[in-house]
Protein backbone atom coordinates (compact mmCIF):
# COMPACT_ATOMS: atom_id res chain seq x y z
CA MET A 1 169.63 43.67 -21.25
CA LYS A 2 166.64 44.13 -19.00
CA ALA A 3 163.29 44.06 -20.76
CA ASP A 4 161.28 47.04 -19.61
CA ASP A 5 159.00 47.75 -22.55
CA ARG A 6 156.01 45.89 -23.89
CA ILE A 7 154.71 45.30 -27.37
CA ILE A 8 151.06 44.41 -27.52
CA PHE A 9 149.32 43.20 -30.66
CA ARG A 10 146.37 41.02 -31.53
CA VAL A 11 146.24 37.72 -33.38
CA ASN A 12 143.37 35.33 -33.91
CA GLY A 13 142.84 32.68 -31.26
CA GLU A 14 143.72 29.75 -33.51
CA LEU A 15 147.10 31.23 -34.47
CA LYS A 16 147.90 31.91 -30.82
CA LYS A 17 146.94 28.36 -29.83
CA ILE A 18 149.06 26.79 -32.59
CA CYS A 19 152.07 28.94 -31.75
CA GLU A 20 151.79 28.27 -28.02
CA GLU A 21 151.56 24.52 -28.65
CA LYS A 22 154.55 24.55 -30.99
CA ALA A 23 156.62 26.57 -28.53
CA LYS A 24 155.67 24.16 -25.75
CA LEU A 25 156.77 21.19 -27.89
CA GLU A 26 160.12 22.96 -28.33
CA GLY A 27 160.39 23.52 -24.58
CA ARG A 28 160.10 27.28 -25.01
CA ARG A 29 157.72 30.00 -24.00
CA LEU A 30 155.90 31.83 -26.77
CA THR A 31 157.33 35.08 -25.39
CA ASP A 32 160.86 33.76 -25.93
CA VAL A 33 160.04 32.65 -29.47
CA LEU A 34 158.61 36.06 -30.36
CA LYS A 35 161.53 37.86 -28.73
CA SER A 36 164.03 35.84 -30.77
CA TYR A 37 162.15 36.69 -33.98
CA LEU A 38 162.20 40.39 -33.09
CA GLU A 39 165.92 40.28 -32.28
CA ALA A 40 166.67 38.57 -35.60
CA TYR A 41 164.53 41.10 -37.46
CA ALA A 42 166.25 44.02 -35.74
CA ALA A 43 169.67 42.59 -36.61
CA GLU A 44 168.90 42.33 -40.32
CA MET A 45 170.61 44.88 -42.49
CA PRO A 46 168.14 46.90 -44.56
CA GLU A 47 168.28 46.18 -48.30
CA THR A 48 169.50 49.69 -49.13
CA ALA A 49 172.37 49.30 -46.68
CA LYS A 50 173.25 45.94 -48.22
CA ILE A 51 173.27 47.49 -51.69
CA ASN A 52 175.43 50.40 -50.52
CA GLU A 53 177.89 48.03 -48.86
CA LEU A 54 178.11 45.89 -52.00
CA GLU A 55 178.65 48.98 -54.16
CA GLN A 56 181.53 50.10 -51.94
CA ARG A 57 183.08 46.64 -52.03
CA LEU A 58 182.77 46.56 -55.82
CA ILE A 59 184.42 49.98 -56.16
CA LYS A 60 187.33 48.84 -53.99
CA LEU A 61 187.68 45.64 -55.99
CA GLU A 62 187.63 47.54 -59.29
CA GLU A 63 190.25 49.96 -57.98
CA LYS A 64 192.43 47.06 -56.88
CA LEU A 65 192.08 45.28 -60.23
CA MET A 66 192.75 48.45 -62.19
CA GLY A 67 195.86 49.07 -60.10
CA GLU A 68 197.11 45.53 -60.71
CA SER A 69 196.49 45.69 -64.45
CA ALA A 70 198.39 48.99 -64.70
CA ALA A 71 201.46 47.45 -63.06
């Protein structure tokens, strides 16, 4: 996917320096590190969605168990 938008934010100079140095040691660009963090964050399922999914799975499991115990 082509990157065509920018996100601009400020950090203190020391944090930027540390992060750039760490990325360099890893053979990466700071931009790539930040992009991977954003992609991971975007891929996370919100807590409410996780709870809803677990509730649905529990309901199905209960229905299955109740059906087996009735047989």
